[in-house]
């Protein structure tokens, strides 16, 4: 849906992983990389550099980028070569896709809710009139020794949350039956019957995705 911008030959030589050269105006800024010591876990959704597509706020699209998503900072970074220093994108990023075991799409621009702003990124689990979103967060916390209770290594702890975006409004969705059925109450009978027939587990993300997809088919 977006046209690819023109590319520079010099940038093409800079990255053997990119099938089409990176554009001149894809300028970056050096990333301040924290040199964590004795930390367990990682702030990144994936530790490896993975290919992906990036779309800027003004609609420019760049493919076959090597990117990482830092869920602690809610920040996307890139490199031309895996040995390069990471860089931030100069232009604001509206949407990006990580080509992992399956394509995973992230987007911002949703209404403010909880501690998130309209610049916060969510993973799009289900798209439609009712959109299911997932907020990924890794938080660095103090590790506590079980015996001495002294502070030891830092530990990254995952805090994920789910939201429904419907009628231009955001609502927190907890993965339990009461919360989900409450948010889908306008089609309660159909949703309940489908959940029963499909043996939907309301605490499992994949089952909830299946249920929301079904809900979006109802008139």
N, C-alpha and C. Protein backbone atom coordinates (compact mmCIF):
# COMPACT_ATOMS: atom_id res chain seq x y z
N UNK A 1 0.82 -1.20 0.00
CA UNK A 1 0.00 0.00 0.00
C UNK A 1 0.86 1.26 0.00
N UNK A 2 2.13 1.07 0.23
CA UNK A 2 3.03 2.21 0.22
C UNK A 2 4.05 2.03 -0.90
N UNK A 3 4.44 3.11 -1.52
CA UNK A 3 5.45 3.06 -2.58
C UNK A 3 6.84 3.09 -1.96
N UNK A 4 7.74 2.31 -2.53
CA UNK A 4 9.11 2.30 -2.03
C UNK A 4 9.82 3.56 -2.51
N UNK A 5 10.63 4.14 -1.62
CA UNK A 5 11.37 5.35 -1.96
C UNK A 5 12.60 4.98 -2.79
N UNK A 6 13.25 5.99 -3.39
CA UNK A 6 14.45 5.74 -4.17
C UNK A 6 15.61 5.37 -3.29
N UNK A 7 16.55 4.60 -3.83
CA UNK A 7 17.64 4.07 -3.03
C UNK A 7 18.98 4.55 -3.54
N UNK A 8 20.02 4.51 -2.67
CA UNK A 8 21.37 4.93 -3.06
C UNK A 8 22.26 3.73 -3.22
N UNK A 9 23.17 3.79 -4.20
CA UNK A 9 24.08 2.66 -4.44
C UNK A 9 25.07 2.51 -3.31
N UNK A 10 25.48 3.62 -2.72
CA UNK A 10 26.45 3.54 -1.62
C UNK A 10 25.86 2.81 -0.44
N UNK A 11 24.60 3.04 -0.15
CA UNK A 11 23.96 2.36 0.96
C UNK A 11 23.81 0.89 0.66
N UNK A 12 23.59 0.54 -0.63
CA UNK A 12 23.44 -0.86 -1.00
C UNK A 12 24.69 -1.65 -0.65
N UNK A 13 25.87 -1.07 -0.89
CA UNK A 13 27.13 -1.73 -0.59
C UNK A 13 27.31 -1.90 0.91
N UNK A 14 26.57 -1.13 1.68
CA UNK A 14 26.74 -1.11 3.14
C UNK A 14 26.08 -2.29 3.82
N UNK A 15 25.19 -2.97 3.11
CA UNK A 15 24.44 -4.03 3.77
C UNK A 15 24.18 -5.18 2.82
N UNK A 16 24.91 -6.28 2.96
CA UNK A 16 24.74 -7.41 2.06
C UNK A 16 23.45 -8.15 2.31
N UNK A 17 22.77 -7.90 3.44
CA UNK A 17 21.52 -8.57 3.76
C UNK A 17 20.33 -7.90 3.10
N UNK A 18 20.51 -6.69 2.59
CA UNK A 18 19.40 -5.95 2.02
C UNK A 18 19.37 -6.17 0.52
N UNK A 19 18.29 -6.74 0.00
CA UNK A 19 18.20 -7.03 -1.41
C UNK A 19 18.04 -5.77 -2.25
N UNK A 20 17.46 -4.75 -1.67
CA UNK A 20 17.35 -3.44 -2.31
C UNK A 20 18.06 -2.45 -1.42
N UNK A 21 18.85 -1.53 -1.99
CA UNK A 21 19.65 -0.64 -1.15
C UNK A 21 18.82 0.26 -0.26
N UNK A 22 19.41 0.67 0.85
CA UNK A 22 18.75 1.58 1.79
C UNK A 22 18.83 3.00 1.25
N UNK A 23 17.79 3.78 1.46
CA UNK A 23 17.71 5.11 0.88
C UNK A 23 18.62 6.09 1.60
N UNK A 24 19.01 7.14 0.87
CA UNK A 24 19.84 8.19 1.46
C UNK A 24 19.15 8.85 2.65
N UNK A 25 17.83 9.08 2.54
CA UNK A 25 17.15 9.83 3.61
C UNK A 25 16.75 8.94 4.78
N UNK A 26 17.20 7.68 4.77
CA UNK A 26 16.98 6.82 5.93
C UNK A 26 18.12 7.07 6.92
N UNK A 27 18.25 8.32 7.32
CA UNK A 27 19.31 8.69 8.24
C UNK A 27 19.02 8.16 9.63
N UNK A 28 20.06 7.89 10.37
CA UNK A 28 19.88 7.41 11.73
C UNK A 28 20.70 8.21 12.71
N UNK A 29 20.43 7.99 13.98
CA UNK A 29 21.20 8.60 15.05
C UNK A 29 21.76 7.49 15.92
N UNK A 30 22.99 7.62 16.39
CA UNK A 30 23.55 6.56 17.23
C UNK A 30 22.68 6.28 18.44
N UNK A 31 22.61 5.01 18.81
CA UNK A 31 21.82 4.58 19.96
C UNK A 31 22.70 4.54 21.19
N UNK A 32 22.21 5.07 22.29
CA UNK A 32 22.91 4.96 23.56
C UNK A 32 22.66 3.56 24.11
N UNK A 33 23.66 2.69 24.00
CA UNK A 33 23.52 1.31 24.45
C UNK A 33 23.99 1.21 25.89
N UNK A 34 23.07 0.85 26.77
CA UNK A 34 23.44 0.70 28.18
C UNK A 34 24.30 -0.54 28.34
N UNK A 35 25.42 -0.41 28.99
CA UNK A 35 26.33 -1.53 29.23
C UNK A 35 25.94 -2.19 30.55
N UNK A 36 24.87 -2.97 30.51
CA UNK A 36 24.39 -3.64 31.71
C UNK A 36 25.40 -4.68 32.16
N UNK A 37 25.58 -4.79 33.45
CA UNK A 37 26.44 -5.81 34.02
C UNK A 37 25.60 -6.70 34.92
N UNK A 38 25.79 -8.01 34.82
CA UNK A 38 25.10 -8.98 35.66
C UNK A 38 23.58 -8.80 35.59
N UNK A 39 23.09 -8.84 34.39
CA UNK A 39 21.65 -8.72 34.17
C UNK A 39 21.15 -9.98 33.49
N UNK A 40 20.07 -10.52 34.01
CA UNK A 40 19.47 -11.71 33.43
C UNK A 40 18.32 -11.30 32.53
N UNK A 41 18.25 -11.92 31.37
CA UNK A 41 17.19 -11.59 30.44
C UNK A 41 17.60 -10.48 29.49
N UNK A 42 16.63 -9.94 28.76
CA UNK A 42 16.91 -8.96 27.72
C UNK A 42 15.70 -8.04 27.56
N UNK A 43 15.94 -6.77 27.17
CA UNK A 43 14.82 -5.86 26.92
C UNK A 43 14.21 -6.03 25.54
N UNK A 44 14.83 -6.88 24.69
CA UNK A 44 14.40 -6.99 23.31
C UNK A 44 13.38 -8.10 23.11
N UNK A 45 12.45 -7.86 22.20
CA UNK A 45 11.48 -8.89 21.85
C UNK A 45 12.20 -10.10 21.28
N UNK A 46 13.20 -9.86 20.43
CA UNK A 46 14.11 -10.89 19.92
C UNK A 46 15.53 -10.37 20.09
N UNK A 47 16.41 -11.21 20.58
CA UNK A 47 17.79 -10.78 20.76
C UNK A 47 18.55 -10.68 19.45
N UNK A 48 18.16 -11.48 18.47
CA UNK A 48 18.83 -11.48 17.17
C UNK A 48 18.30 -10.34 16.29
N UNK A 49 19.14 -9.88 15.39
CA UNK A 49 18.69 -8.94 14.37
C UNK A 49 17.86 -9.71 13.35
N UNK A 50 16.65 -9.27 13.12
CA UNK A 50 15.76 -9.94 12.18
C UNK A 50 15.33 -8.97 11.09
N UNK A 51 15.06 -9.53 9.91
CA UNK A 51 14.57 -8.69 8.83
C UNK A 51 13.14 -8.22 9.13
N UNK A 52 12.82 -7.08 8.58
CA UNK A 52 11.48 -6.56 8.76
C UNK A 52 11.21 -5.40 7.83
N UNK A 53 9.96 -4.95 7.85
CA UNK A 53 9.53 -3.79 7.07
C UNK A 53 9.15 -2.65 8.02
N UNK A 54 9.43 -1.45 7.58
CA UNK A 54 9.18 -0.27 8.42
C UNK A 54 8.42 0.77 7.61
N UNK A 55 7.41 1.38 8.22
CA UNK A 55 6.64 2.44 7.58
C UNK A 55 6.70 3.68 8.46
N UNK A 56 7.10 4.81 7.90
CA UNK A 56 7.20 6.05 8.65
C UNK A 56 5.83 6.73 8.77
N UNK A 57 5.77 7.75 9.60
CA UNK A 57 4.50 8.48 9.79
C UNK A 57 3.98 9.09 8.49
N UNK A 58 4.89 9.46 7.59
CA UNK A 58 4.44 10.07 6.33
C UNK A 58 4.29 9.04 5.21
N UNK A 59 4.30 7.74 5.56
CA UNK A 59 3.95 6.71 4.60
C UNK A 59 5.10 6.11 3.80
N UNK A 60 6.33 6.50 4.08
CA UNK A 60 7.46 5.89 3.38
C UNK A 60 7.69 4.48 3.91
N UNK A 61 7.92 3.53 3.01
CA UNK A 61 8.09 2.13 3.41
C UNK A 61 9.49 1.65 3.05
N UNK A 62 10.12 0.93 3.98
CA UNK A 62 11.45 0.38 3.77
C UNK A 62 11.41 -1.11 4.10
N UNK A 63 11.90 -1.91 3.16
CA UNK A 63 11.83 -3.37 3.32
C UNK A 63 13.22 -3.95 3.57
N UNK A 64 13.19 -5.19 4.08
CA UNK A 64 14.43 -5.96 4.31
C UNK A 64 15.39 -5.24 5.24
N UNK A 65 14.85 -4.51 6.21
CA UNK A 65 15.69 -3.88 7.22
C UNK A 65 16.09 -4.91 8.27
N UNK A 66 17.24 -4.70 8.91
CA UNK A 66 17.64 -5.49 10.07
C UNK A 66 17.26 -4.69 11.31
N UNK A 67 16.28 -5.18 12.05
CA UNK A 67 15.71 -4.39 13.14
C UNK A 67 15.62 -5.19 14.44
N UNK A 68 15.50 -4.44 15.54
CA UNK A 68 15.21 -5.00 16.87
C UNK A 68 14.22 -4.07 17.55
N UNK A 69 13.35 -4.69 18.37
CA UNK A 69 12.38 -3.90 19.12
C UNK A 69 12.70 -4.00 20.60
N UNK A 70 13.07 -2.85 21.19
CA UNK A 70 13.36 -2.76 22.61
C UNK A 70 12.06 -2.46 23.35
N UNK A 71 11.51 -3.47 24.04
CA UNK A 71 10.22 -3.29 24.70
C UNK A 71 10.34 -2.52 26.00
N UNK A 72 11.54 -2.42 26.55
CA UNK A 72 11.73 -1.61 27.76
C UNK A 72 11.61 -0.13 27.41
N UNK A 73 12.26 0.28 26.32
CA UNK A 73 12.23 1.67 25.90
C UNK A 73 11.13 1.96 24.89
N UNK A 74 10.43 0.91 24.44
CA UNK A 74 9.40 1.07 23.40
C UNK A 74 10.02 1.74 22.18
N UNK A 75 11.11 1.13 21.69
CA UNK A 75 11.93 1.79 20.68
C UNK A 75 12.41 0.78 19.65
N UNK A 76 12.34 1.18 18.39
CA UNK A 76 12.84 0.35 17.28
C UNK A 76 14.20 0.87 16.85
N UNK A 77 15.14 -0.06 16.65
CA UNK A 77 16.48 0.31 16.19
C UNK A 77 16.84 -0.55 14.98
N UNK A 78 17.91 -0.14 14.27
CA UNK A 78 18.30 -0.88 13.07
C UNK A 78 19.82 -0.85 12.90
N UNK A 79 20.30 -1.75 12.03
CA UNK A 79 21.69 -1.75 11.59
C UNK A 79 21.70 -2.08 10.10
N UNK A 80 22.81 -1.74 9.43
CA UNK A 80 23.01 -2.18 8.05
C UNK A 80 23.68 -3.56 8.04
N UNK A 81 24.64 -3.75 8.93
CA UNK A 81 25.31 -5.03 9.13
C UNK A 81 25.15 -5.42 10.60
N UNK A 82 25.12 -6.71 10.87
CA UNK A 82 24.93 -7.15 12.26
C UNK A 82 26.09 -6.74 13.16
N UNK A 83 27.22 -6.38 12.58
CA UNK A 83 28.38 -5.95 13.36
C UNK A 83 28.38 -4.44 13.59
N UNK A 84 27.44 -3.71 13.00
CA UNK A 84 27.39 -2.26 13.15
C UNK A 84 26.86 -1.85 14.52
N UNK A 85 27.11 -0.59 14.88
CA UNK A 85 26.49 -0.02 16.06
C UNK A 85 25.02 0.26 15.76
N UNK A 86 24.12 -0.08 16.68
CA UNK A 86 22.69 0.16 16.44
C UNK A 86 22.39 1.65 16.28
N UNK A 87 21.36 1.95 15.48
CA UNK A 87 20.94 3.32 15.26
C UNK A 87 19.43 3.44 15.45
N UNK A 88 19.01 4.64 15.85
CA UNK A 88 17.60 4.97 15.88
C UNK A 88 17.20 5.52 14.51
N UNK A 89 15.95 5.38 14.17
CA UNK A 89 15.44 5.98 12.95
C UNK A 89 15.27 7.49 13.15
N UNK A 90 15.66 8.25 12.13
CA UNK A 90 15.53 9.71 12.22
C UNK A 90 14.07 10.13 12.13
N UNK A 91 13.28 9.42 11.30
CA UNK A 91 11.87 9.76 11.14
C UNK A 91 11.01 8.94 12.09
N UNK A 92 9.91 9.49 12.60
CA UNK A 92 9.01 8.73 13.46
C UNK A 92 8.44 7.52 12.70
N UNK A 93 8.37 6.39 13.39
CA UNK A 93 7.91 5.15 12.78
C UNK A 93 6.47 4.89 13.20
N UNK A 94 5.60 4.72 12.22
CA UNK A 94 4.18 4.45 12.46
C UNK A 94 3.91 2.96 12.66
N UNK A 95 4.57 2.14 11.84
CA UNK A 95 4.29 0.70 11.83
C UNK A 95 5.54 -0.06 11.43
N UNK A 96 5.72 -1.24 12.01
CA UNK A 96 6.81 -2.10 11.56
C UNK A 96 6.38 -3.56 11.67
N UNK A 97 6.99 -4.37 10.83
CA UNK A 97 6.73 -5.81 10.81
C UNK A 97 8.04 -6.55 11.02
N UNK A 98 8.06 -7.46 11.97
CA UNK A 98 9.23 -8.29 12.22
C UNK A 98 9.00 -9.64 11.58
N UNK A 99 9.92 -10.04 10.69
CA UNK A 99 9.81 -11.34 10.02
C UNK A 99 10.46 -12.41 10.89
N UNK A 100 9.69 -12.94 11.82
CA UNK A 100 10.19 -13.98 12.73
C UNK A 100 9.62 -15.33 12.29
N UNK A 101 9.23 -16.19 13.25
CA UNK A 101 8.62 -17.46 12.89
C UNK A 101 7.33 -17.22 12.12
N UNK A 102 6.72 -16.09 12.36
CA UNK A 102 5.62 -15.57 11.56
C UNK A 102 5.74 -14.06 11.58
N UNK A 103 5.16 -13.40 10.58
CA UNK A 103 5.24 -11.94 10.55
C UNK A 103 4.46 -11.36 11.73
N UNK A 104 5.11 -10.46 12.46
CA UNK A 104 4.48 -9.83 13.61
C UNK A 104 4.43 -8.33 13.37
N UNK A 105 3.23 -7.77 13.39
CA UNK A 105 3.00 -6.38 13.03
C UNK A 105 2.77 -5.54 14.28
N UNK A 106 3.44 -4.39 14.33
CA UNK A 106 3.32 -3.46 15.45
C UNK A 106 2.95 -2.08 14.91
N UNK A 107 2.16 -1.37 15.70
CA UNK A 107 1.69 -0.06 15.25
C UNK A 107 1.45 0.84 16.46
N UNK A 108 1.56 2.15 16.24
CA UNK A 108 1.18 3.11 17.27
C UNK A 108 0.07 4.01 16.73
N UNK A 109 -0.25 5.08 17.46
CA UNK A 109 -1.31 5.97 17.03
C UNK A 109 -2.65 5.69 17.67
N UNK A 110 -2.68 4.78 18.63
CA UNK A 110 -3.94 4.47 19.33
C UNK A 110 -4.16 5.46 20.48
N UNK A 111 -5.40 5.59 20.93
CA UNK A 111 -5.68 6.54 22.03
C UNK A 111 -4.89 6.20 23.30
N UNK A 112 -4.64 7.23 24.09
CA UNK A 112 -3.93 7.05 25.36
C UNK A 112 -4.75 6.18 26.30
N UNK A 113 -4.06 5.31 27.00
CA UNK A 113 -4.71 4.50 28.03
C UNK A 113 -3.65 4.02 29.00
N UNK A 114 -4.03 3.89 30.26
CA UNK A 114 -3.08 3.50 31.30
C UNK A 114 -1.83 4.38 31.22
N UNK A 115 -0.66 3.80 31.12
CA UNK A 115 0.57 4.60 31.06
C UNK A 115 1.04 4.83 29.63
N UNK A 116 0.26 4.38 28.66
CA UNK A 116 0.66 4.49 27.27
C UNK A 116 0.17 5.79 26.64
N UNK A 117 0.97 6.30 25.71
CA UNK A 117 0.59 7.47 24.93
C UNK A 117 0.22 7.00 23.52
N UNK A 118 -0.10 7.96 22.65
CA UNK A 118 -0.42 7.58 21.28
C UNK A 118 0.82 7.22 20.47
N UNK A 119 1.99 7.33 21.09
CA UNK A 119 3.24 6.91 20.44
C UNK A 119 3.66 5.50 20.86
N UNK A 120 2.90 4.90 21.76
CA UNK A 120 3.24 3.56 22.25
C UNK A 120 2.90 2.51 21.20
N UNK A 121 3.76 1.50 21.10
CA UNK A 121 3.56 0.45 20.10
C UNK A 121 2.79 -0.73 20.70
N UNK A 122 1.90 -1.28 19.88
CA UNK A 122 1.15 -2.49 20.22
C UNK A 122 1.30 -3.50 19.10
N UNK A 123 1.31 -4.76 19.45
CA UNK A 123 1.27 -5.80 18.44
C UNK A 123 -0.18 -6.02 18.02
N UNK A 124 -0.42 -6.06 16.71
CA UNK A 124 -1.76 -6.29 16.19
C UNK A 124 -2.01 -7.79 16.10
N UNK A 125 -2.80 -8.31 17.04
CA UNK A 125 -3.10 -9.75 17.05
C UNK A 125 -4.29 -10.08 16.16
N UNK A 126 -5.30 -9.21 16.19
CA UNK A 126 -6.48 -9.35 15.33
C UNK A 126 -6.83 -7.97 14.80
N UNK A 127 -7.00 -7.86 13.50
CA UNK A 127 -7.41 -6.59 12.90
C UNK A 127 -8.83 -6.70 12.39
N UNK A 128 -9.60 -5.65 12.56
CA UNK A 128 -10.99 -5.64 12.12
C UNK A 128 -11.75 -4.55 12.83
N UNK A 129 -13.07 -4.56 12.75
CA UNK A 129 -13.87 -3.57 13.48
C UNK A 129 -13.54 -3.57 14.98
N UNK A 130 -13.27 -4.77 15.51
CA UNK A 130 -12.75 -4.90 16.86
C UNK A 130 -11.33 -5.45 16.76
N UNK A 131 -10.36 -4.62 17.16
CA UNK A 131 -8.95 -4.98 17.02
C UNK A 131 -8.41 -5.43 18.37
N UNK A 132 -7.71 -6.56 18.35
CA UNK A 132 -7.08 -7.07 19.56
C UNK A 132 -5.60 -6.68 19.54
N UNK A 133 -5.17 -5.98 20.58
CA UNK A 133 -3.81 -5.47 20.67
C UNK A 133 -3.08 -6.08 21.87
N UNK A 134 -1.77 -6.21 21.71
CA UNK A 134 -0.94 -6.71 22.81
C UNK A 134 0.18 -5.72 23.07
N UNK A 135 0.30 -5.33 24.30
CA UNK A 135 1.36 -4.41 24.73
C UNK A 135 2.48 -5.22 25.38
N UNK A 136 3.69 -5.13 24.80
CA UNK A 136 4.85 -5.86 25.31
C UNK A 136 5.72 -4.94 26.15
N UNK A 137 6.10 -5.40 27.34
CA UNK A 137 7.00 -4.62 28.20
C UNK A 137 7.96 -5.56 28.92
N UNK A 138 9.23 -5.21 28.91
CA UNK A 138 10.24 -5.86 29.76
C UNK A 138 10.73 -4.80 30.75
N UNK A 139 10.67 -5.12 32.02
CA UNK A 139 11.05 -4.17 33.07
C UNK A 139 12.24 -4.73 33.84
N UNK A 140 13.29 -3.92 33.99
CA UNK A 140 14.48 -4.34 34.72
C UNK A 140 14.24 -4.14 36.22
N UNK A 141 14.28 -5.24 36.95
CA UNK A 141 14.03 -5.20 38.39
C UNK A 141 15.22 -5.78 39.14
N UNK A 142 15.31 -5.42 40.43
CA UNK A 142 16.37 -5.98 41.26
C UNK A 142 16.09 -7.45 41.55
N UNK A 143 17.12 -8.27 41.38
CA UNK A 143 17.02 -9.66 41.80
C UNK A 143 17.37 -9.77 43.28
N UNK A 144 16.62 -10.57 44.02
CA UNK A 144 16.81 -10.71 45.46
C UNK A 144 17.27 -12.14 45.78
N UNK A 145 18.37 -12.24 46.51
CA UNK A 145 18.86 -13.55 46.94
C UNK A 145 17.85 -14.19 47.90
N UNK A 146 17.49 -15.43 47.65
CA UNK A 146 16.47 -16.10 48.45
C UNK A 146 16.88 -16.28 49.91
N UNK A 147 18.18 -16.40 50.18
CA UNK A 147 18.66 -16.65 51.54
C UNK A 147 18.97 -15.36 52.27
N UNK A 148 19.86 -14.55 51.69
CA UNK A 148 20.30 -13.33 52.37
C UNK A 148 19.36 -12.16 52.17
N UNK A 149 18.47 -12.26 51.18
CA UNK A 149 17.55 -11.19 50.80
C UNK A 149 18.28 -9.94 50.31
N UNK A 150 19.56 -10.11 49.97
CA UNK A 150 20.33 -8.99 49.44
C UNK A 150 20.02 -8.83 47.95
N UNK A 151 20.15 -7.60 47.47
CA UNK A 151 19.95 -7.33 46.05
C UNK A 151 21.11 -7.92 45.27
N UNK A 152 20.80 -8.73 44.27
CA UNK A 152 21.84 -9.35 43.44
C UNK A 152 21.73 -8.80 42.02
N UNK A 153 21.72 -9.67 41.03
CA UNK A 153 21.68 -9.23 39.64
C UNK A 153 20.33 -8.60 39.29
N UNK A 154 20.37 -7.75 38.27
CA UNK A 154 19.12 -7.24 37.72
C UNK A 154 18.45 -8.33 36.89
N UNK A 155 17.15 -8.32 36.86
CA UNK A 155 16.39 -9.33 36.12
C UNK A 155 15.32 -8.63 35.29
N UNK A 156 15.28 -8.94 34.00
CA UNK A 156 14.21 -8.43 33.15
C UNK A 156 12.97 -9.30 33.34
N UNK A 157 11.87 -8.64 33.67
CA UNK A 157 10.60 -9.34 33.91
C UNK A 157 9.58 -8.87 32.89
N UNK A 158 8.87 -9.82 32.30
CA UNK A 158 7.90 -9.52 31.25
C UNK A 158 6.55 -9.12 31.86
N UNK A 159 6.00 -8.00 31.38
CA UNK A 159 4.66 -7.56 31.76
C UNK A 159 3.89 -7.25 30.48
N UNK A 160 3.08 -8.20 30.04
CA UNK A 160 2.28 -8.00 28.84
C UNK A 160 0.83 -7.69 29.21
N UNK A 161 0.17 -6.91 28.39
CA UNK A 161 -1.24 -6.60 28.62
C UNK A 161 -1.96 -6.56 27.28
N UNK A 162 -3.27 -6.75 27.33
CA UNK A 162 -4.09 -6.84 26.12
C UNK A 162 -5.15 -5.74 26.13
N UNK A 163 -5.48 -5.26 24.93
CA UNK A 163 -6.47 -4.20 24.79
C UNK A 163 -7.37 -4.48 23.60
N UNK A 164 -8.59 -4.00 23.70
CA UNK A 164 -9.52 -3.99 22.59
C UNK A 164 -9.63 -2.56 22.08
N UNK A 165 -9.49 -2.38 20.77
CA UNK A 165 -9.70 -1.08 20.14
C UNK A 165 -10.96 -1.19 19.28
N UNK A 166 -11.99 -0.46 19.70
CA UNK A 166 -13.30 -0.55 19.05
C UNK A 166 -13.99 0.80 19.14
N UNK A 167 -14.58 1.23 18.03
CA UNK A 167 -15.28 2.53 18.00
C UNK A 167 -14.38 3.66 18.49
N UNK A 168 -13.11 3.59 18.06
CA UNK A 168 -12.11 4.62 18.40
C UNK A 168 -11.84 4.72 19.89
N UNK A 169 -12.11 3.66 20.62
CA UNK A 169 -11.85 3.64 22.05
C UNK A 169 -10.99 2.43 22.41
N UNK A 170 -10.14 2.63 23.43
CA UNK A 170 -9.29 1.55 23.93
C UNK A 170 -9.87 1.05 25.25
N UNK A 171 -9.88 -0.28 25.41
CA UNK A 171 -10.33 -0.88 26.66
C UNK A 171 -9.38 -2.01 27.04
N UNK A 172 -9.02 -2.06 28.31
CA UNK A 172 -8.16 -3.12 28.81
C UNK A 172 -8.92 -4.45 28.75
N UNK A 173 -8.25 -5.48 28.28
CA UNK A 173 -8.85 -6.81 28.19
C UNK A 173 -8.02 -7.78 29.02
N UNK A 174 -8.61 -8.35 30.04
CA UNK A 174 -7.94 -9.38 30.82
C UNK A 174 -8.31 -10.75 30.25
N UNK A 175 -7.33 -11.64 30.24
CA UNK A 175 -7.58 -12.96 29.66
C UNK A 175 -8.32 -13.84 30.66
N UNK A 176 -9.60 -13.53 30.82
CA UNK A 176 -10.49 -14.40 31.60
C UNK A 176 -11.89 -14.26 31.02
N UNK A 177 -12.74 -15.21 31.31
CA UNK A 177 -14.05 -15.29 30.67
C UNK A 177 -14.91 -14.06 30.95
N UNK A 178 -14.96 -13.62 32.20
CA UNK A 178 -15.82 -12.49 32.56
C UNK A 178 -15.44 -11.21 31.83
N UNK A 179 -14.14 -10.93 31.79
CA UNK A 179 -13.66 -9.71 31.14
C UNK A 179 -13.96 -9.74 29.65
N UNK A 180 -13.70 -10.86 29.01
CA UNK A 180 -13.88 -10.95 27.56
C UNK A 180 -15.34 -10.88 27.17
N UNK A 181 -16.18 -11.63 27.86
CA UNK A 181 -17.61 -11.62 27.54
C UNK A 181 -18.25 -10.26 27.81
N UNK A 182 -17.74 -9.56 28.80
CA UNK A 182 -18.25 -8.22 29.11
C UNK A 182 -17.99 -7.26 27.96
N UNK A 183 -16.79 -7.35 27.38
CA UNK A 183 -16.44 -6.44 26.29
C UNK A 183 -17.13 -6.83 24.98
N UNK A 184 -17.61 -8.06 24.89
CA UNK A 184 -18.30 -8.51 23.68
C UNK A 184 -19.79 -8.73 23.96
N UNK A 185 -20.32 -8.00 24.94
CA UNK A 185 -21.67 -8.25 25.45
C UNK A 185 -22.77 -8.00 24.43
N UNK A 186 -22.50 -7.16 23.41
CA UNK A 186 -23.55 -6.86 22.44
C UNK A 186 -23.89 -8.08 21.57
N UNK A 187 -22.99 -9.07 21.54
CA UNK A 187 -23.24 -10.32 20.81
C UNK A 187 -23.06 -11.50 21.76
N UNK A 188 -23.51 -11.33 22.99
CA UNK A 188 -23.24 -12.28 24.06
C UNK A 188 -23.69 -13.71 23.73
N UNK A 189 -24.89 -13.87 23.22
CA UNK A 189 -25.43 -15.20 22.96
C UNK A 189 -24.60 -15.92 21.90
N UNK A 190 -24.30 -15.22 20.79
CA UNK A 190 -23.51 -15.83 19.72
C UNK A 190 -22.10 -16.17 20.19
N UNK A 191 -21.49 -15.24 20.91
CA UNK A 191 -20.12 -15.43 21.37
C UNK A 191 -20.04 -16.60 22.36
N UNK A 192 -20.99 -16.67 23.28
CA UNK A 192 -21.00 -17.74 24.27
C UNK A 192 -21.20 -19.10 23.60
N UNK A 193 -22.13 -19.16 22.66
CA UNK A 193 -22.38 -20.42 21.95
C UNK A 193 -21.14 -20.87 21.18
N UNK A 194 -20.47 -19.93 20.52
CA UNK A 194 -19.26 -20.26 19.77
C UNK A 194 -18.15 -20.72 20.72
N UNK A 195 -17.98 -20.02 21.82
CA UNK A 195 -16.94 -20.38 22.79
C UNK A 195 -17.17 -21.79 23.33
N UNK A 196 -18.42 -22.11 23.59
CA UNK A 196 -18.74 -23.45 24.11
C UNK A 196 -18.47 -24.52 23.05
N UNK A 197 -18.91 -24.26 21.82
CA UNK A 197 -18.76 -25.26 20.76
C UNK A 197 -17.30 -25.48 20.39
N UNK A 198 -16.48 -24.43 20.50
CA UNK A 198 -15.06 -24.52 20.13
C UNK A 198 -14.16 -24.79 21.33
N UNK A 199 -14.80 -24.93 22.51
CA UNK A 199 -14.03 -25.18 23.75
C UNK A 199 -12.94 -24.13 23.92
N UNK A 200 -13.34 -22.87 23.83
CA UNK A 200 -12.40 -21.75 23.94
C UNK A 200 -11.86 -21.66 25.36
N UNK A 201 -10.54 -21.60 25.46
CA UNK A 201 -9.87 -21.34 26.74
C UNK A 201 -9.61 -19.84 26.83
N UNK A 202 -10.33 -19.14 27.67
CA UNK A 202 -10.27 -17.69 27.74
C UNK A 202 -8.93 -17.18 28.30
N UNK A 203 -8.10 -18.05 28.79
CA UNK A 203 -6.80 -17.63 29.31
C UNK A 203 -5.68 -17.83 28.30
N UNK A 204 -6.01 -18.37 27.13
CA UNK A 204 -5.01 -18.64 26.10
C UNK A 204 -5.13 -17.63 24.97
N UNK A 205 -4.02 -16.99 24.66
CA UNK A 205 -4.01 -15.94 23.64
C UNK A 205 -4.56 -16.43 22.30
N UNK A 206 -4.12 -17.59 21.84
CA UNK A 206 -4.55 -18.08 20.54
C UNK A 206 -6.06 -18.31 20.49
N UNK A 207 -6.62 -18.81 21.59
CA UNK A 207 -8.07 -19.02 21.64
C UNK A 207 -8.82 -17.70 21.64
N UNK A 208 -8.29 -16.71 22.34
CA UNK A 208 -8.93 -15.39 22.38
C UNK A 208 -8.88 -14.75 20.99
N UNK A 209 -7.78 -14.90 20.29
CA UNK A 209 -7.68 -14.40 18.92
C UNK A 209 -8.75 -15.04 18.04
N UNK A 210 -8.92 -16.33 18.19
CA UNK A 210 -9.94 -17.06 17.43
C UNK A 210 -11.34 -16.52 17.73
N UNK A 211 -11.60 -16.24 18.99
CA UNK A 211 -12.91 -15.73 19.41
C UNK A 211 -13.16 -14.33 18.85
N UNK A 212 -12.15 -13.45 18.91
CA UNK A 212 -12.31 -12.09 18.40
C UNK A 212 -12.50 -12.11 16.88
N UNK A 213 -11.79 -12.99 16.20
CA UNK A 213 -11.99 -13.12 14.74
C UNK A 213 -13.42 -13.52 14.43
N UNK A 214 -13.97 -14.44 15.22
CA UNK A 214 -15.36 -14.84 15.02
C UNK A 214 -16.31 -13.67 15.31
N UNK A 215 -16.07 -12.97 16.39
CA UNK A 215 -16.90 -11.82 16.76
C UNK A 215 -16.96 -10.79 15.63
N UNK A 216 -15.83 -10.60 14.95
CA UNK A 216 -15.79 -9.62 13.85
C UNK A 216 -16.62 -10.05 12.65
N UNK A 217 -17.00 -11.31 12.57
CA UNK A 217 -17.85 -11.77 11.46
C UNK A 217 -19.34 -11.56 11.73
N UNK A 218 -19.69 -11.27 12.99
CA UNK A 218 -21.10 -11.14 13.37
C UNK A 218 -21.64 -9.79 12.92
N UNK A 219 -22.87 -9.77 12.49
CA UNK A 219 -23.53 -8.53 12.02
C UNK A 219 -24.48 -8.02 13.10
